[in-house]
C-alpha cells in the first residue's frame, strides 16, 4: 500500500518531468519549453 508521501513524490515527478515540459507557457510565446529551446531563444 502506498503512503501519501509516495503519492506526493510521484505527483512532483510527474509535474517536473511530464506536465511542465508539455504544457504551453505564455511567457515564452505559447511554446512548450522544449520547443522554445529548439528555437534557440534561450
N, C-alpha and C. Protein backbone atom coordinates (compact mmCIF):
# COMPACT_ATOMS: atom_id res chain seq x y z
N UNK A 1 0.84 -1.17 0.00
CA UNK A 1 0.00 0.00 0.00
C UNK A 1 0.89 1.25 0.00
N UNK A 2 0.54 2.19 -0.84
CA UNK A 2 1.33 3.42 -0.93
C UNK A 2 0.88 4.43 0.11
N UNK A 3 1.84 5.18 0.58
CA UNK A 3 1.54 6.22 1.56
C UNK A 3 1.28 7.55 0.85
N UNK A 4 0.78 8.50 1.57
CA UNK A 4 0.54 9.82 0.98
C UNK A 4 1.86 10.46 0.55
N UNK A 5 2.94 10.11 1.22
CA UNK A 5 4.25 10.64 0.82
C UNK A 5 4.65 10.09 -0.54
N UNK A 6 4.39 8.81 -0.80
CA UNK A 6 4.68 8.23 -2.11
C UNK A 6 3.89 8.93 -3.21
N UNK A 7 2.61 9.18 -2.94
CA UNK A 7 1.77 9.87 -3.92
C UNK A 7 2.28 11.30 -4.16
N UNK A 8 2.69 11.95 -3.12
CA UNK A 8 3.20 13.31 -3.24
C UNK A 8 4.48 13.34 -4.08
N UNK A 9 5.38 12.41 -3.83
CA UNK A 9 6.63 12.35 -4.59
C UNK A 9 6.35 12.01 -6.06
N UNK A 10 5.43 11.09 -6.30
CA UNK A 10 5.10 10.73 -7.68
C UNK A 10 4.44 11.90 -8.41
N UNK A 11 3.61 12.65 -7.72
CA UNK A 11 2.98 13.81 -8.33
C UNK A 11 4.02 14.86 -8.70
N UNK A 12 4.97 15.09 -7.80
CA UNK A 12 6.03 16.06 -8.07
C UNK A 12 6.86 15.62 -9.28
N UNK A 13 7.19 14.35 -9.36
CA UNK A 13 7.95 13.85 -10.51
C UNK A 13 7.17 14.04 -11.80
N UNK A 14 5.88 13.72 -11.76
CA UNK A 14 5.05 13.89 -12.95
C UNK A 14 5.04 15.34 -13.40
N UNK A 15 4.83 16.24 -12.47
CA UNK A 15 4.78 17.66 -12.82
C UNK A 15 6.09 18.14 -13.43
N UNK A 16 7.20 17.72 -12.86
CA UNK A 16 8.51 18.16 -13.35
C UNK A 16 8.88 17.52 -14.68
N UNK A 17 8.62 16.23 -14.83
CA UNK A 17 9.10 15.50 -15.99
C UNK A 17 8.13 15.48 -17.17
N UNK A 18 6.85 15.58 -16.91
CA UNK A 18 5.87 15.45 -17.98
C UNK A 18 5.10 16.75 -18.20
N UNK A 19 4.35 17.13 -17.21
CA UNK A 19 3.42 18.25 -17.38
C UNK A 19 4.13 19.56 -17.74
N UNK A 20 5.12 19.95 -16.99
CA UNK A 20 5.79 21.23 -17.24
C UNK A 20 6.55 21.25 -18.56
N UNK A 21 6.92 20.10 -19.07
CA UNK A 21 7.63 20.05 -20.34
C UNK A 21 6.68 20.04 -21.53
N UNK A 22 5.42 19.69 -21.32
CA UNK A 22 4.50 19.58 -22.45
C UNK A 22 3.46 20.69 -22.49
N UNK A 23 3.26 21.39 -21.39
CA UNK A 23 2.25 22.45 -21.42
C UNK A 23 2.85 23.70 -22.04
N UNK A 24 2.00 24.50 -22.65
CA UNK A 24 2.49 25.73 -23.25
C UNK A 24 2.57 26.81 -22.17
N UNK A 25 3.52 27.71 -22.35
CA UNK A 25 3.77 28.78 -21.39
C UNK A 25 3.59 30.12 -22.09
N UNK A 26 2.78 30.97 -21.51
CA UNK A 26 2.55 32.28 -22.13
C UNK A 26 3.82 33.14 -22.10
N UNK A 27 4.67 32.93 -21.13
CA UNK A 27 5.87 33.76 -21.01
C UNK A 27 6.91 33.46 -22.08
N UNK A 28 6.76 32.34 -22.78
CA UNK A 28 7.69 32.00 -23.87
C UNK A 28 6.91 31.83 -25.18
N UNK A 29 6.02 32.79 -25.39
CA UNK A 29 5.26 32.90 -26.63
C UNK A 29 4.42 31.66 -26.94
N UNK A 30 3.81 31.10 -25.92
CA UNK A 30 2.90 29.96 -26.04
C UNK A 30 3.54 28.74 -26.71
N UNK A 31 4.79 28.50 -26.34
CA UNK A 31 5.51 27.30 -26.76
C UNK A 31 5.72 26.41 -25.55
N UNK A 32 6.02 25.14 -25.82
CA UNK A 32 6.46 24.28 -24.73
C UNK A 32 7.92 24.63 -24.45
N UNK A 33 8.44 24.33 -23.28
CA UNK A 33 9.85 24.61 -23.01
C UNK A 33 10.78 23.94 -24.02
N UNK A 34 10.47 22.72 -24.41
CA UNK A 34 11.32 22.02 -25.39
C UNK A 34 11.30 22.72 -26.73
N UNK A 35 10.13 23.13 -27.19
CA UNK A 35 10.04 23.85 -28.47
C UNK A 35 10.79 25.17 -28.40
N UNK A 36 10.65 25.88 -27.30
CA UNK A 36 11.32 27.15 -27.14
C UNK A 36 12.83 26.99 -27.19
N UNK A 37 13.35 25.97 -26.53
CA UNK A 37 14.79 25.72 -26.55
C UNK A 37 15.27 25.33 -27.96
N UNK A 38 14.46 24.57 -28.67
CA UNK A 38 14.82 24.18 -30.03
C UNK A 38 14.89 25.39 -30.96
N UNK A 39 14.11 26.41 -30.67
CA UNK A 39 14.13 27.62 -31.48
C UNK A 39 15.39 28.46 -31.23
N UNK A 40 16.13 28.09 -30.19
CA UNK A 40 17.37 28.79 -29.87
C UNK A 40 17.19 30.14 -29.24
N UNK A 41 16.07 30.33 -28.56
CA UNK A 41 15.77 31.61 -27.97
C UNK A 41 16.09 31.67 -26.49
N UNK A 42 16.77 30.70 -25.96
CA UNK A 42 17.09 30.69 -24.54
C UNK A 42 18.40 31.41 -24.32
